[in-house]
Amino acid sequence: MFHLPNLFTASNLICGVLAILTSLMGRIDIAPFFIFLGAIFDFLDGFLARKLNKMGELGKQLDSLADMVTFGVAPGIIMLVILIFSISPYTINESESFSTHINFLITNWKNAIFYNIPNSFDNNLKFVPFFALFIPFISMFRLAKFNIDTRQSESFIGLNTPTNTIFFMTFPLFLSNNLLNSEYFDKFDILFKLEILIPIIGIMSMLLISEIPMFSLKFKSFSWKENKMKYLFLITCSLLIVFLLVLSIPIIVILYVILSIIENKSKIKKHEI
């Protein structure tokens, strides 16, 4: 039960819990890094299980339970905080730290929702942040479907939860890196408008349970011939990260979806021939 791959799976879960705790403390500048660390553990547990011949039903179930926390609940909570920021009428004082600002917004929103303490939140909007819980709601169905879908042994049908979660990390990372730089932040503040965030949450969540085939980045071997698409994708991702930094994340995820669709269509054409 407590062999190495399962311990890596448990480490993934702990990272998810830490991401939730830090985001609720207003440290959404730190929370994404726990998500990324969890994604590394998620990749390594499967890799080690295959290499050590420790594949089993227990590991499969543990993996889904850990993923539900790190790539289901955690991104939902983080985006809840982002939506609180989006509906907040509070203006940041540039002399205070980023985390102090976000912690104030969370506390103020909590008081408005649960205690009805006099506040400046619009009553028509203060419940909007709960829409972020659509992410864990759909993620639960995605993970359960994955466990029983025999078509997804080597690739994915629909967007996988780690990729979906990494996409959403664009928002806390960009916010924490640029909020105090008002001149730069104002160029991209449209990303934090409700009319943009709500559709994005809805569309990305529905991609989880879509029937779109997606290629997997799991390597059975490291040969170029068998993994050409994967290597090209990873090289492109590296270049995008170097030049665009945080803004490369949504581009990479969109590219992943597009390449998956192209690869699937090429396979269909070959099969027809």
C-alpha atoms as a PDB file:
ATOM      1  CA  MET A   1       0.000   0.000   0.000  1.00  0.00           C
ATOM      2  CA  PHE A   2       2.719   2.503   0.979  1.00  0.00           C
ATOM      3  CA  HIS A   3       5.068   1.862  -1.936  1.00  0.00           C
ATOM      4  CA  LEU A   4       6.812   4.735  -3.732  1.00  0.00           C
ATOM      5  CA  PRO A   5       4.227   5.512  -6.478  1.00  0.00           C
ATOM      6  CA  ASN A   6       1.399   5.718  -3.911  1.00  0.00           C
ATOM      7  CA  LEU A   7       3.489   8.010  -1.712  1.00  0.00           C
ATOM      8  CA  PHE A   8       3.957  10.315  -4.695  1.00  0.00           C
ATOM      9  CA  THR A   9       0.175  10.244  -5.208  1.00  0.00           C
ATOM     10  CA  ALA A  10      -0.304  11.196  -1.548  1.00  0.00           C
ATOM     11  CA  SER A  11       2.186  14.037  -2.008  1.00  0.00           C
ATOM     12  CA  ASN A  12       0.022  15.279  -4.883  1.00  0.00           C
ATOM     13  CA  LEU A  13      -2.976  15.405  -2.542  1.00  0.00           C
ATOM     14  CA  ILE A  14      -1.009  17.274   0.147  1.00  0.00           C
ATOM     15  CA  CYS A  15      -0.005  19.847  -2.460  1.00  0.00           C
ATOM     16  CA  GLY A  16      -3.686  20.337  -3.305  1.00  0.00           C
ATOM     17  CA  VAL A  17      -4.578  20.857   0.349  1.00  0.00           C
ATOM     18  CA  LEU A  18      -1.775  23.407   0.741  1.00  0.00           C
ATOM     19  CA  ALA A  19      -2.962  25.234  -2.393  1.00  0.00           C
ATOM     20  CA  ILE A  20      -6.463  25.493  -0.889  1.00  0.00           C
ATOM     21  CA  LEU A  21      -5.200  26.702   2.491  1.00  0.00           C
ATOM     22  CA  THR A  22      -2.843  29.306   1.066  1.00  0.00           C
ATOM     23  CA  SER A  23      -5.458  30.675  -1.334  1.00  0.00           C
ATOM     24  CA  LEU A  24      -7.984  31.079   1.508  1.00  0.00           C
ATOM     25  CA  MET A  25      -5.320  32.971   3.455  1.00  0.00           C
ATOM     26  CA  GLY A  26      -5.004  35.403   0.571  1.00  0.00           C
ATOM     27  CA  ARG A  27      -1.727  33.936  -0.688  1.00  0.00           C
ATOM     28  CA  ILE A  28      -2.842  33.167  -4.221  1.00  0.00           C
ATOM     29  CA  ASP A  29       0.667  34.207  -5.207  1.00  0.00           C
ATOM     30  CA  ILE A  30       1.894  30.987  -3.539  1.00  0.00           C
ATOM     31  CA  ALA A  31      -1.011  28.605  -4.198  1.00  0.00           C
ATOM     32  CA  PRO A  32      -0.226  28.018  -7.932  1.00  0.00           C
ATOM     33  CA  PHE A  33       3.211  26.689  -7.074  1.00  0.00           C
ATOM     34  CA  PHE A  34       1.657  23.964  -4.922  1.00  0.00           C
ATOM     35  CA  ILE A  35      -0.533  23.119  -7.913  1.00  0.00           C
ATOM     36  CA  PHE A  36       2.516  22.846 -10.187  1.00  0.00           C
ATOM     37  CA  LEU A  37       4.324  20.697  -7.618  1.00  0.00           C
ATOM     38  CA  GLY A  38       1.234  18.491  -7.376  1.00  0.00           C
ATOM     39  CA  ALA A  39       1.244  18.124 -11.175  1.00  0.00           C
ATOM     40  CA  ILE A  40       4.857  16.926 -11.028  1.00  0.00           C
ATOM     41  CA  PHE A  41       3.954  14.337  -8.392  1.00  0.00           C
ATOM     42  CA  ASP A  42       0.943  13.324 -10.503  1.00  0.00           C
ATOM     43  CA  PHE A  43       3.193  12.680 -13.503  1.00  0.00           C
ATOM     44  CA  LEU A  44       5.831  10.841 -11.485  1.00  0.00           C
ATOM     45  CA  ASP A  45       3.441   8.496  -9.643  1.00  0.00           C
ATOM     46  CA  GLY A  46       2.217   6.974 -12.916  1.00  0.00           C
ATOM     47  CA  PHE A  47       5.703   6.918 -14.400  1.00  0.00           C
ATOM     48  CA  LEU A  48       7.132   5.144 -11.346  1.00  0.00           C
ATOM     49  CA  ALA A  49       4.192   2.734 -11.157  1.00  0.00           C
ATOM     50  CA  ARG A  50       4.882   1.606 -14.722  1.00  0.00           C
ATOM     51  CA  LYS A  51       8.642   1.373 -14.228  1.00  0.00           C
ATOM     52  CA  LEU A  52       8.372  -0.470 -10.897  1.00  0.00           C
ATOM     53  CA  ASN A  53       5.485  -2.639 -12.089  1.00  0.00           C
ATOM     54  CA  LYS A  54       3.252  -1.363  -9.297  1.00  0.00           C
ATOM     55  CA  MET A  55       0.171  -0.730 -11.425  1.00  0.00           C
ATOM     56  CA  GLY A  56      -3.023  -1.681  -9.600  1.00  0.00           C
ATOM     57  CA  GLU A  57      -6.596  -0.763  -8.794  1.00  0.00           C
ATOM     58  CA  LEU A  58      -5.622   0.821  -5.469  1.00  0.00           C
ATOM     59  CA  GLY A  59      -3.188   3.189  -7.145  1.00  0.00           C
ATOM     60  CA  LYS A  60      -5.794   4.109  -9.742  1.00  0.00           C
ATOM     61  CA  GLN A  61      -8.350   5.027  -7.072  1.00  0.00           C
ATOM     62  CA  LEU A  62      -5.800   6.924  -4.979  1.00  0.00           C
ATOM     63  CA  ASP A  63      -4.765   8.886  -8.049  1.00  0.00           C
ATOM     64  CA  SER A  64      -8.347  10.001  -8.726  1.00  0.00           C
ATOM     65  CA  LEU A  65      -8.896  10.975  -5.085  1.00  0.00           C
ATOM     66  CA  ALA A  66      -5.713  13.063  -5.064  1.00  0.00           C
ATOM     67  CA  ASP A  67      -6.560  14.625  -8.426  1.00  0.00           C
ATOM     68  CA  MET A  68     -10.007  15.603  -7.174  1.00  0.00           C
ATOM     69  CA  VAL A  69      -8.366  17.700  -4.455  1.00  0.00           C
ATOM     70  CA  THR A  70      -5.455  19.191  -6.408  1.00  0.00           C
ATOM     71  CA  PHE A  71      -7.090  19.544  -9.819  1.00  0.00           C
ATOM     72  CA  GLY A  72     -10.737  19.839  -8.805  1.00  0.00           C
ATOM     73  CA  VAL A  73     -11.315  21.533  -5.456  1.00  0.00           C
ATOM     74  CA  ALA A  74      -8.115  23.630  -5.379  1.00  0.00           C
ATOM     75  CA  PRO A  75      -8.631  25.423  -8.725  1.00  0.00           C
ATOM     76  CA  GLY A  76     -12.258  26.000  -7.757  1.00  0.00           C
ATOM     77  CA  ILE A  77     -11.232  27.733  -4.532  1.00  0.00           C
ATOM     78  CA  ILE A  78      -8.499  29.730  -6.252  1.00  0.00           C
ATOM     79  CA  MET A  79     -10.910  30.946  -8.935  1.00  0.00           C
ATOM     80  CA  LEU A  80     -13.445  31.755  -6.197  1.00  0.00           C
ATOM     81  CA  VAL A  81     -10.845  34.156  -4.782  1.00  0.00           C
ATOM     82  CA  ILE A  82     -10.244  35.588  -8.264  1.00  0.00           C
ATOM     83  CA  LEU A  83     -13.967  36.216  -8.671  1.00  0.00           C
ATOM     84  CA  ILE A  84     -14.054  37.929  -5.255  1.00  0.00           C
ATOM     85  CA  PHE A  85     -11.338  40.238  -6.572  1.00  0.00           C
ATOM     86  CA  SER A  86     -13.338  40.835  -9.767  1.00  0.00           C
ATOM     87  CA  ILE A  87     -16.523  41.956  -7.987  1.00  0.00           C
ATOM     88  CA  SER A  88     -14.744  43.955  -5.293  1.00  0.00           C
ATOM     89  CA  PRO A  89     -15.181  47.728  -5.255  1.00  0.00           C
ATOM     90  CA  TYR A  90     -12.121  48.020  -3.013  1.00  0.00           C
ATOM     91  CA  THR A  91      -9.162  49.912  -4.526  1.00  0.00           C
ATOM     92  CA  ILE A  92      -5.687  48.742  -3.631  1.00  0.00           C
ATOM     93  CA  ASN A  93      -3.335  51.000  -1.740  1.00  0.00           C
ATOM     94  CA  GLU A  94       0.033  50.577  -3.417  1.00  0.00           C
ATOM     95  CA  SER A  95       1.783  50.861  -0.054  1.00  0.00           C
ATOM     96  CA  GLU A  96       0.286  47.541   1.119  1.00  0.00           C
ATOM     97  CA  SER A  97       1.357  44.080   0.047  1.00  0.00           C
ATOM     98  CA  PHE A  98      -0.505  41.992  -2.499  1.00  0.00           C
ATOM     99  CA  SER A  99      -1.426  39.302   0.038  1.00  0.00           C
ATOM    100  CA  THR A 100      -2.738  41.917   2.494  1.00  0.00           C
ATOM    101  CA  HIS A 101      -5.014  43.262  -0.223  1.00  0.00           C
ATOM    102  CA  ILE A 102      -6.385  39.845  -1.209  1.00  0.00           C
ATOM    103  CA  ASN A 103      -6.813  38.768   2.430  1.00  0.00           C
ATOM    104  CA  PHE A 104      -8.840  41.933   3.080  1.00  0.00           C
ATOM    105  CA  LEU A 105     -11.101  41.157   0.106  1.00  0.00           C
ATOM    106  CA  ILE A 106     -11.680  37.566   1.269  1.00  0.00           C
ATOM    107  CA  THR A 107     -12.504  38.697   4.815  1.00  0.00           C
ATOM    108  CA  ASN A 108     -14.784  41.457   3.583  1.00  0.00           C
ATOM    109  CA  TRP A 109     -16.607  39.072   1.229  1.00  0.00           C
ATOM    110  CA  LYS A 110     -16.937  36.430   3.957  1.00  0.00           C
ATOM    111  CA  ASN A 111     -18.525  38.995   6.262  1.00  0.00           C
ATOM    112  CA  ALA A 112     -20.888  40.097   3.497  1.00  0.00           C
ATOM    113  CA  ILE A 113     -21.980  36.526   2.691  1.00  0.00           C
ATOM    114  CA  PHE A 114     -22.168  34.840   6.078  1.00  0.00           C
ATOM    115  CA  TYR A 115     -22.622  37.599   8.639  1.00  0.00           C
ATOM    116  CA  ASN A 116     -24.345  40.383   6.683  1.00  0.00           C
ATOM    117  CA  ILE A 117     -21.986  42.930   8.169  1.00  0.00           C
ATOM    118  CA  PRO A 118     -22.393  46.311   6.416  1.00  0.00           C
ATOM    119  CA  ASN A 119     -20.196  46.197   3.342  1.00  0.00           C
ATOM    120  CA  SER A 120     -19.715  47.709  -0.083  1.00  0.00           C
ATOM    121  CA  PHE A 121     -20.468  44.571  -2.131  1.00  0.00           C
ATOM    122  CA  ASP A 122     -23.315  44.731  -4.632  1.00  0.00           C
ATOM    123  CA  ASN A 123     -25.979  42.309  -3.363  1.00  0.00           C
ATOM    124  CA  ASN A 124     -26.620  41.181  -6.934  1.00  0.00           C
ATOM    125  CA  LEU A 125     -23.002  40.109  -7.358  1.00  0.00           C
ATOM    126  CA  LYS A 126     -21.725  38.941  -3.981  1.00  0.00           C
ATOM    127  CA  PHE A 127     -22.839  35.337  -4.623  1.00  0.00           C
ATOM    128  CA  VAL A 128     -21.141  35.217  -8.040  1.00  0.00           C
ATOM    129  CA  PRO A 129     -17.830  33.779  -6.701  1.00  0.00           C
ATOM    130  CA  PHE A 130     -19.634  30.515  -5.893  1.00  0.00           C
ATOM    131  CA  PHE A 131     -19.825  29.897  -9.653  1.00  0.00           C
ATOM    132  CA  ALA A 132     -16.153  28.889  -9.421  1.00  0.00           C
ATOM    133  CA  LEU A 133     -17.325  25.700  -7.685  1.00  0.00           C
ATOM    134  CA  PHE A 134     -18.552  24.582 -11.102  1.00  0.00           C
ATOM    135  CA  ILE A 135     -14.924  23.525 -11.648  1.00  0.00           C
ATOM    136  CA  PRO A 136     -14.826  20.837  -8.900  1.00  0.00           C
ATOM    137  CA  PHE A 137     -18.442  19.893  -9.703  1.00  0.00           C
ATOM    138  CA  ILE A 138     -17.577  18.974 -13.302  1.00  0.00           C
ATOM    139  CA  SER A 139     -14.123  17.635 -12.340  1.00  0.00           C
ATOM    140  CA  MET A 140     -15.776  14.983 -10.167  1.00  0.00           C
ATOM    141  CA  PHE A 141     -17.711  13.651 -13.165  1.00  0.00           C
ATOM    142  CA  ARG A 142     -14.613  13.881 -15.357  1.00  0.00           C
ATOM    143  CA  LEU A 143     -12.503  11.789 -12.979  1.00  0.00           C
ATOM    144  CA  ALA A 144     -15.217   9.196 -12.408  1.00  0.00           C
ATOM    145  CA  LYS A 145     -15.770   8.894 -16.156  1.00  0.00           C
ATOM    146  CA  PHE A 146     -12.036   8.482 -16.738  1.00  0.00           C
ATOM    147  CA  ASN A 147     -11.855   5.574 -14.290  1.00  0.00           C
ATOM    148  CA  ILE A 148     -14.452   3.503 -16.140  1.00  0.00           C
ATOM    149  CA  ASP A 149     -13.785   4.617 -19.727  1.00  0.00           C
ATOM    150  CA  THR A 150     -11.659   1.946 -21.423  1.00  0.00           C
ATOM    151  CA  ARG A 151     -11.015   4.281 -24.376  1.00  0.00           C
ATOM    152  CA  GLN A 152      -8.716   6.429 -22.226  1.00  0.00           C
ATOM    153  CA  SER A 153      -5.995   3.928 -21.429  1.00  0.00           C
ATOM    154  CA  GLU A 154      -3.375   5.605 -23.664  1.00  0.00           C
ATOM    155  CA  SER A 155      -4.929   9.016 -24.399  1.00  0.00           C
ATOM    156  CA  PHE A 156      -7.727  11.227 -23.116  1.00  0.00           C
ATOM    157  CA  ILE A 157     -11.293  11.878 -24.171  1.00  0.00           C
ATOM    158  CA  GLY A 158     -11.928  15.436 -23.103  1.00  0.00           C
ATOM    159  CA  LEU A 159      -9.517  17.806 -21.386  1.00  0.00           C
ATOM    160  CA  ASN A 160      -7.718  16.251 -18.415  1.00  0.00           C
ATOM    161  CA  THR A 161      -8.033  17.890 -15.005  1.00  0.00           C
ATOM    162  CA  PRO A 162      -4.327  18.804 -14.517  1.00  0.00           C
ATOM    163  CA  THR A 163      -4.250  20.721 -17.821  1.00  0.00           C
ATOM    164  CA  ASN A 164      -7.521  22.463 -16.970  1.00  0.00           C
ATOM    165  CA  THR A 165      -6.150  23.471 -13.568  1.00  0.00           C
ATOM    166  CA  ILE A 166      -2.865  24.777 -14.984  1.00  0.00           C
ATOM    167  CA  PHE A 167      -4.899  26.929 -17.386  1.00  0.00           C
ATOM    168  CA  PHE A 168      -6.668  28.595 -14.452  1.00  0.00           C
ATOM    169  CA  MET A 169      -3.354  29.310 -12.722  1.00  0.00           C
ATOM    170  CA  THR A 170      -2.871  32.075 -15.304  1.00  0.00           C
ATOM    171  CA  PHE A 171      -5.155  34.338 -13.291  1.00  0.00           C
ATOM    172  CA  PRO A 172      -3.577  34.204  -9.795  1.00  0.00           C
ATOM    173  CA  LEU A 173      -0.058  34.282 -11.226  1.00  0.00           C
ATOM    174  CA  PHE A 174      -0.737  37.264 -13.464  1.00  0.00           C
ATOM    175  CA  LEU A 175      -2.614  39.064 -10.703  1.00  0.00           C
ATOM    176  CA  SER A 176       0.086  38.541  -8.089  1.00  0.00           C
ATOM    177  CA  ASN A 177       2.898  39.523 -10.463  1.00  0.00           C
ATOM    178  CA  ASN A 178       1.285  42.615 -11.965  1.00  0.00           C
ATOM    179  CA  LEU A 179      -1.427  44.057  -9.708  1.00  0.00           C
ATOM    180  CA  LEU A 180       0.928  46.564  -8.111  1.00  0.00           C
ATOM    181  CA  ASN A 181       2.149  47.602 -11.562  1.00  0.00           C
ATOM    182  CA  SER A 182      -1.019  49.481 -12.481  1.00  0.00           C
ATOM    183  CA  GLU A 183       0.258  50.683 -15.857  1.00  0.00           C
ATOM    184  CA  TYR A 184       0.890  47.127 -17.087  1.00  0.00           C
ATOM    185  CA  PHE A 185      -2.070  45.564 -15.277  1.00  0.00           C
ATOM    186  CA  ASP A 186      -4.526  47.996 -16.870  1.00  0.00           C
ATOM    187  CA  LYS A 187      -3.619  46.584 -20.312  1.00  0.00           C
ATOM    188  CA  PHE A 188      -4.924  43.153 -19.319  1.00  0.00           C
ATOM    189  CA  ASP A 189      -7.568  43.966 -16.727  1.00  0.00           C
ATOM    190  CA  ILE A 190     -10.198  42.678 -19.175  1.00  0.00           C
ATOM    191  CA  LEU A 191      -9.100  39.174 -18.106  1.00  0.00           C
ATOM    192  CA  PHE A 192     -10.632  39.882 -14.691  1.00  0.00           C
ATOM    193  CA  LYS A 193     -14.019  41.108 -15.892  1.00  0.00           C
ATOM    194  CA  LEU A 194     -16.965  38.904 -14.895  1.00  0.00           C
ATOM    195  CA  GLU A 195     -18.227  38.766 -18.475  1.00  0.00           C
ATOM    196  CA  ILE A 196     -14.902  37.129 -19.412  1.00  0.00           C
ATOM    197  CA  LEU A 197     -14.223  34.979 -16.347  1.00  0.00           C
ATOM    198  CA  ILE A 198     -17.662  33.347 -16.084  1.00  0.00           C
ATOM    199  CA  PRO A 199     -17.757  32.068 -19.708  1.00  0.00           C
ATOM    200  CA  ILE A 200     -14.133  30.887 -19.417  1.00  0.00           C
ATOM    201  CA  ILE A 201     -14.936  28.870 -16.282  1.00  0.00           C
ATOM    202  CA  GLY A 202     -17.982  27.384 -17.989  1.00  0.00           C
ATOM    203  CA  ILE A 203     -16.267  26.519 -21.288  1.00  0.00           C
ATOM    204  CA  MET A 204     -13.110  25.058 -19.727  1.00  0.00           C
ATOM    205  CA  SER A 205     -15.148  22.986 -17.288  1.00  0.00           C
ATOM    206  CA  MET A 206     -17.338  21.571 -20.050  1.00  0.00           C
ATOM    207  CA  LEU A 207     -14.231  20.610 -22.035  1.00  0.00           C
ATOM    208  CA  LEU A 208     -13.467  18.181 -19.201  1.00  0.00           C
ATOM    209  CA  ILE A 209     -16.471  16.037 -20.103  1.00  0.00           C
ATOM    210  CA  SER A 210     -16.381  16.646 -23.851  1.00  0.00           C
ATOM    211  CA  GLU A 211     -15.822  13.858 -26.380  1.00  0.00           C
ATOM    212  CA  ILE A 212     -12.808  15.559 -27.959  1.00  0.00           C
ATOM    213  CA  PRO A 213      -9.817  13.147 -28.130  1.00  0.00           C
ATOM    214  CA  MET A 214      -6.685  14.595 -26.491  1.00  0.00           C
ATOM    215  CA  PHE A 215      -3.183  13.181 -26.705  1.00  0.00           C
ATOM    216  CA  SER A 216      -1.406  12.189 -23.504  1.00  0.00           C
ATOM    217  CA  LEU A 217       2.071  13.339 -22.466  1.00  0.00           C
ATOM    218  CA  LYS A 218       2.795  10.007 -20.814  1.00  0.00           C
ATOM    219  CA  PHE A 219       5.840   8.376 -22.416  1.00  0.00           C
ATOM    220  CA  LYS A 220       6.051   4.612 -22.904  1.00  0.00           C
ATOM    221  CA  SER A 221       9.398   5.118 -24.624  1.00  0.00           C
ATOM    222  CA  PHE A 222      11.498   8.141 -25.499  1.00  0.00           C
ATOM    223  CA  SER A 223      11.952   7.511 -29.222  1.00  0.00           C
ATOM    224  CA  TRP A 224      11.336  10.445 -31.569  1.00  0.00           C
ATOM    225  CA  LYS A 225       9.256   8.408 -33.997  1.00  0.00           C
ATOM    226  CA  GLU A 226       6.705   7.309 -31.394  1.00  0.00           C
ATOM    227  CA  ASN A 227       6.525  10.678 -29.624  1.00  0.00           C
ATOM    228  CA  LYS A 228       7.013  13.241 -32.395  1.00  0.00           C
ATOM    229  CA  MET A 229       3.863  15.215 -31.562  1.00  0.00           C
ATOM    230  CA  LYS A 230       4.698  15.218 -27.848  1.00  0.00           C
ATOM    231  CA  TYR A 231       8.268  16.434 -28.366  1.00  0.00           C
ATOM    232  CA  LEU A 232       7.193  19.194 -30.768  1.00  0.00           C
ATOM    233  CA  PHE A 233       4.550  20.293 -28.296  1.00  0.00           C
ATOM    234  CA  LEU A 234       7.014  20.361 -25.385  1.00  0.00           C
ATOM    235  CA  ILE A 235       9.603  22.308 -27.405  1.00  0.00           C
ATOM    236  CA  THR A 236       6.965  24.857 -28.429  1.00  0.00           C
ATOM    237  CA  CYS A 237       5.810  25.142 -24.809  1.00  0.00           C
ATOM    238  CA  SER A 238       9.364  25.822 -23.640  1.00  0.00           C
ATOM    239  CA  LEU A 239       9.789  28.643 -26.165  1.00  0.00           C
ATOM    240  CA  LEU A 240       6.434  30.187 -25.267  1.00  0.00           C
ATOM    241  CA  ILE A 241       7.271  30.115 -21.551  1.00  0.00           C
ATOM    242  CA  VAL A 242      10.637  31.821 -22.156  1.00  0.00           C
ATOM    243  CA  PHE A 243       9.132  34.675 -24.193  1.00  0.00           C
ATOM    244  CA  LEU A 244       5.658  35.113 -22.706  1.00  0.00           C
ATOM    245  CA  LEU A 245       6.054  33.849 -19.124  1.00  0.00           C
ATOM    246  CA  VAL A 246       2.660  33.626 -17.372  1.00  0.00           C
ATOM    247  CA  LEU A 247       0.702  34.621 -20.470  1.00  0.00           C
ATOM    248  CA  SER A 248       2.082  31.533 -22.219  1.00  0.00           C
ATOM    249  CA  ILE A 249      -0.112  29.247 -20.060  1.00  0.00           C
ATOM    250  CA  PRO A 250      -3.497  29.818 -21.772  1.00  0.00           C
ATOM    251  CA  ILE A 251      -1.797  29.769 -25.205  1.00  0.00           C
ATOM    252  CA  ILE A 252      -0.203  26.412 -24.391  1.00  0.00           C
ATOM    253  CA  VAL A 253      -3.506  24.903 -23.251  1.00  0.00           C
ATOM    254  CA  ILE A 254      -5.340  26.195 -26.328  1.00  0.00           C
ATOM    255  CA  LEU A 255      -2.512  24.868 -28.515  1.00  0.00           C
ATOM    256  CA  TYR A 256      -2.821  21.488 -26.799  1.00  0.00           C
ATOM    257  CA  VAL A 257      -6.537  21.319 -27.625  1.00  0.00           C
ATOM    258  CA  ILE A 258      -5.959  22.386 -31.258  1.00  0.00           C
ATOM    259  CA  LEU A 259      -3.103  19.909 -31.805  1.00  0.00           C
ATOM    260  CA  SER A 260      -5.216  17.140 -30.288  1.00  0.00           C
ATOM    261  CA  ILE A 261      -8.029  17.878 -32.729  1.00  0.00           C
ATOM    262  CA  ILE A 262      -5.569  17.974 -35.680  1.00  0.00           C
ATOM    263  CA  GLU A 263      -3.934  14.701 -34.635  1.00  0.00           C
ATOM    264  CA  ASN A 264      -7.304  13.012 -34.249  1.00  0.00           C
ATOM    265  CA  LYS A 265      -8.453  14.162 -37.699  1.00  0.00           C
ATOM    266  CA  SER A 266      -5.218  12.907 -39.289  1.00  0.00           C
ATOM    267  CA  LYS A 267      -5.720   9.503 -37.655  1.00  0.00           C
ATOM    268  CA  ILE A 268      -9.288   9.369 -38.991  1.00  0.00           C
ATOM    269  CA  LYS A 269      -8.085  10.163 -42.525  1.00  0.00           C
ATOM    270  CA  LYS A 270      -5.384   7.467 -42.353  1.00  0.00           C
ATOM    271  CA  HIS A 271      -7.955   4.976 -41.150  1.00  0.00           C
ATOM    272  CA  GLU A 272     -10.302   5.870 -44.017  1.00  0.00           C
ATOM    273  CA  ILE A 273      -7.501   5.413 -46.547  1.00  0.00           C
END
